[in-house]
Amino acid sequence: MTDIIVPVSFFAMVLGIVYILVRKKERMALIARGANPSLFESKKNVPSSLKWGLLFVGIGIGILLGRLFATVTCMGEEASYFSMICLFGGLSLVTYYIIAARIEKNNKPDHPDKPE
């Protein structure tokens, strides 16, 4: 197990360091040109806890239905658990996307050019 964890964590660490350095370089270039580096900041009105809550509910439903499929059908345990977790986890993320799009649409001002 540790034979896999060490290289993966090393790769993730190197990737994170490179990402931070590139991001800093981009921001410094924006500041040098006189642009506002706050362009990288995303202002979402949708809480991220909604996404995580929906994802964990979807995974829980997937585990329950995977167990049901494993006992009722001739489908193997691994296949039933994996397929149901991926299916309901994905459906929960699609549901989050739809909810977030509706919230963003409702919170968008009518005329962005005119000050309120």
C-alpha atoms as a PDB file:
ATOM      1  CA  MET A   1       0.000   0.000   0.000  1.00  0.00           C
ATOM      2  CA  THR A   2       2.778   2.450   0.876  1.00  0.00           C
ATOM      3  CA  ASP A   3       4.460   1.598  -2.421  1.00  0.00           C
ATOM      4  CA  ILE A   4       1.621   3.443  -4.148  1.00  0.00           C
ATOM      5  CA  ILE A   5       0.953   6.236  -1.658  1.00  0.00           C
ATOM      6  CA  VAL A   6       4.494   7.649  -1.618  1.00  0.00           C
ATOM      7  CA  PRO A   7       4.861   8.219  -5.403  1.00  0.00           C
ATOM      8  CA  VAL A   8       1.306   9.553  -5.722  1.00  0.00           C
ATOM      9  CA  SER A   9       1.769  11.983  -2.838  1.00  0.00           C
ATOM     10  CA  PHE A  10       5.148  13.092  -4.241  1.00  0.00           C
ATOM     11  CA  PHE A  11       3.560  13.725  -7.649  1.00  0.00           C
ATOM     12  CA  ALA A  12       0.700  15.660  -6.022  1.00  0.00           C
ATOM     13  CA  MET A  13       3.178  17.765  -4.040  1.00  0.00           C
ATOM     14  CA  VAL A  14       5.219  18.631  -7.145  1.00  0.00           C
ATOM     15  CA  LEU A  15       2.045  19.422  -9.080  1.00  0.00           C
ATOM     16  CA  GLY A  16       0.820  21.690  -6.268  1.00  0.00           C
ATOM     17  CA  ILE A  17       4.112  23.580  -6.083  1.00  0.00           C
ATOM     18  CA  VAL A  18       4.180  24.101  -9.865  1.00  0.00           C
ATOM     19  CA  TYR A  19       0.553  25.285  -9.798  1.00  0.00           C
ATOM     20  CA  ILE A  20       1.276  27.814  -7.051  1.00  0.00           C
ATOM     21  CA  LEU A  21       4.379  29.123  -8.827  1.00  0.00           C
ATOM     22  CA  VAL A  22       2.580  29.503 -12.171  1.00  0.00           C
ATOM     23  CA  ARG A  23      -0.359  31.220 -10.486  1.00  0.00           C
ATOM     24  CA  LYS A  24       1.981  33.659  -8.741  1.00  0.00           C
ATOM     25  CA  LYS A  25       3.741  34.390 -12.033  1.00  0.00           C
ATOM     26  CA  GLU A  26       0.420  35.122 -13.767  1.00  0.00           C
ATOM     27  CA  ARG A  27      -0.699  37.453 -11.000  1.00  0.00           C
ATOM     28  CA  MET A  28       2.618  39.299 -11.005  1.00  0.00           C
ATOM     29  CA  ALA A  29       2.329  39.771 -14.782  1.00  0.00           C
ATOM     30  CA  LEU A  30      -1.183  41.192 -14.341  1.00  0.00           C
ATOM     31  CA  ILE A  31       0.017  43.595 -11.650  1.00  0.00           C
ATOM     32  CA  ALA A  32       2.945  44.673 -13.845  1.00  0.00           C
ATOM     33  CA  ARG A  33       0.529  45.513 -16.666  1.00  0.00           C
ATOM     34  CA  GLY A  34      -1.756  47.415 -14.331  1.00  0.00           C
ATOM     35  CA  ALA A  35      -4.617  44.917 -14.388  1.00  0.00           C
ATOM     36  CA  ASN A  36      -6.534  43.845 -11.335  1.00  0.00           C
ATOM     37  CA  PRO A  37      -5.510  40.355 -10.111  1.00  0.00           C
ATOM     38  CA  SER A  38      -8.941  39.861  -8.545  1.00  0.00           C
ATOM     39  CA  LEU A  39     -10.063  38.437 -11.907  1.00  0.00           C
ATOM     40  CA  PHE A  40      -9.009  35.016 -10.626  1.00  0.00           C
ATOM     41  CA  GLU A  41     -11.380  35.191  -7.676  1.00  0.00           C
ATOM     42  CA  SER A  42     -14.737  33.601  -8.295  1.00  0.00           C
ATOM     43  CA  LYS A  43     -17.730  35.043  -6.531  1.00  0.00           C
ATOM     44  CA  LYS A  44     -20.324  32.328  -6.231  1.00  0.00           C
ATOM     45  CA  ASN A  45     -23.647  32.750  -4.528  1.00  0.00           C
ATOM     46  CA  VAL A  46     -24.061  28.988  -4.209  1.00  0.00           C
ATOM     47  CA  PRO A  47     -22.601  27.470  -1.039  1.00  0.00           C
ATOM     48  CA  SER A  48     -20.121  24.657  -1.558  1.00  0.00           C
ATOM     49  CA  SER A  49     -21.724  22.773   1.315  1.00  0.00           C
ATOM     50  CA  LEU A  50     -24.694  22.141  -0.994  1.00  0.00           C
ATOM     51  CA  LYS A  51     -22.381  20.405  -3.471  1.00  0.00           C
ATOM     52  CA  TRP A  52     -20.724  18.253  -0.818  1.00  0.00           C
ATOM     53  CA  GLY A  53     -24.038  17.446   0.846  1.00  0.00           C
ATOM     54  CA  LEU A  54     -25.595  16.321  -2.430  1.00  0.00           C
ATOM     55  CA  LEU A  55     -22.489  14.311  -3.302  1.00  0.00           C
ATOM     56  CA  PHE A  56     -22.450  12.428   0.003  1.00  0.00           C
ATOM     57  CA  VAL A  57     -26.191  11.762  -0.183  1.00  0.00           C
ATOM     58  CA  GLY A  58     -25.696  10.422  -3.710  1.00  0.00           C
ATOM     59  CA  ILE A  59     -22.826   8.201  -2.574  1.00  0.00           C
ATOM     60  CA  GLY A  60     -24.936   6.909   0.337  1.00  0.00           C
ATOM     61  CA  ILE A  61     -27.829   6.066  -1.975  1.00  0.00           C
ATOM     62  CA  GLY A  62     -25.342   4.401  -4.323  1.00  0.00           C
ATOM     63  CA  ILE A  63     -23.975   2.222  -1.532  1.00  0.00           C
ATOM     64  CA  LEU A  64     -27.487   1.182  -0.489  1.00  0.00           C
ATOM     65  CA  LEU A  65     -28.582   0.335  -4.016  1.00  0.00           C
ATOM     66  CA  GLY A  66     -25.259  -1.375  -4.720  1.00  0.00           C
ATOM     67  CA  ARG A  67     -25.871  -3.646  -1.745  1.00  0.00           C
ATOM     68  CA  LEU A  68     -29.408  -4.286  -2.968  1.00  0.00           C
ATOM     69  CA  PHE A  69     -28.199  -5.187  -6.466  1.00  0.00           C
ATOM     70  CA  ALA A  70     -25.468  -7.424  -5.055  1.00  0.00           C
ATOM     71  CA  THR A  71     -27.953  -9.450  -3.007  1.00  0.00           C
ATOM     72  CA  VAL A  72     -30.927  -9.538  -5.408  1.00  0.00           C
ATOM     73  CA  THR A  73     -29.245  -9.950  -8.782  1.00  0.00           C
ATOM     74  CA  CYS A  74     -26.359 -12.083  -9.979  1.00  0.00           C
ATOM     75  CA  MET A  75     -24.231  -8.951 -10.382  1.00  0.00           C
ATOM     76  CA  GLY A  76     -20.926  -9.096  -8.487  1.00  0.00           C
ATOM     77  CA  GLU A  77     -20.399  -6.983  -5.360  1.00  0.00           C
ATOM     78  CA  GLU A  78     -17.583  -4.892  -6.807  1.00  0.00           C
ATOM     79  CA  ALA A  79     -19.462  -4.083  -9.988  1.00  0.00           C
ATOM     80  CA  SER A  80     -22.715  -3.271  -8.228  1.00  0.00           C
ATOM     81  CA  TYR A  81     -21.134  -1.044  -5.574  1.00  0.00           C
ATOM     82  CA  PHE A  82     -18.834   0.771  -7.994  1.00  0.00           C
ATOM     83  CA  SER A  83     -21.505   1.353 -10.641  1.00  0.00           C
ATOM     84  CA  MET A  84     -24.147   2.592  -8.210  1.00  0.00           C
ATOM     85  CA  ILE A  85     -21.745   4.891  -6.323  1.00  0.00           C
ATOM     86  CA  CYS A  86     -20.523   6.430  -9.588  1.00  0.00           C
ATOM     87  CA  LEU A  87     -24.045   6.704 -10.998  1.00  0.00           C
ATOM     88  CA  PHE A  88     -25.642   8.384  -7.995  1.00  0.00           C
ATOM     89  CA  GLY A  89     -22.558  10.462  -7.165  1.00  0.00           C
ATOM     90  CA  GLY A  90     -22.595  11.772 -10.739  1.00  0.00           C
ATOM     91  CA  LEU A  91     -26.339  12.407 -10.639  1.00  0.00           C
ATOM     92  CA  SER A  92     -25.930  14.394  -7.442  1.00  0.00           C
ATOM     93  CA  LEU A  93     -23.245  16.576  -9.053  1.00  0.00           C
ATOM     94  CA  VAL A  94     -25.470  17.154 -12.102  1.00  0.00           C
ATOM     95  CA  THR A  95     -28.269  18.114  -9.714  1.00  0.00           C
ATOM     96  CA  TYR A  96     -25.924  20.562  -7.996  1.00  0.00           C
ATOM     97  CA  TYR A  97     -24.993  22.087 -11.364  1.00  0.00           C
ATOM     98  CA  ILE A  98     -28.666  22.609 -12.238  1.00  0.00           C
ATOM     99  CA  ILE A  99     -29.445  24.149  -8.839  1.00  0.00           C
ATOM    100  CA  ALA A 100     -26.369  26.396  -8.992  1.00  0.00           C
ATOM    101  CA  ALA A 101     -27.256  27.565 -12.508  1.00  0.00           C
ATOM    102  CA  ARG A 102     -30.777  28.480 -11.381  1.00  0.00           C
ATOM    103  CA  ILE A 103     -29.484  30.362  -8.343  1.00  0.00           C
ATOM    104  CA  GLU A 104     -26.927  32.259 -10.462  1.00  0.00           C
ATOM    105  CA  LYS A 105     -29.625  33.074 -13.033  1.00  0.00           C
ATOM    106  CA  ASN A 106     -31.974  34.404 -10.346  1.00  0.00           C
ATOM    107  CA  ASN A 107     -29.232  36.518  -8.735  1.00  0.00           C
ATOM    108  CA  LYS A 108     -27.938  38.021 -11.986  1.00  0.00           C
ATOM    109  CA  PRO A 109     -28.836  41.709 -12.428  1.00  0.00           C
ATOM    110  CA  ASP A 110     -31.149  42.571 -15.331  1.00  0.00           C
ATOM    111  CA  HIS A 111     -28.852  45.149 -16.911  1.00  0.00           C
ATOM    112  CA  PRO A 112     -25.175  44.633 -16.039  1.00  0.00           C
ATOM    113  CA  ASP A 113     -24.180  47.876 -17.825  1.00  0.00           C
ATOM    114  CA  LYS A 114     -26.397  50.067 -15.690  1.00  0.00           C
ATOM    115  CA  PRO A 115     -25.440  50.696 -12.063  1.00  0.00           C
ATOM    116  CA  GLU A 116     -28.102  49.850  -9.521  1.00  0.00           C
END
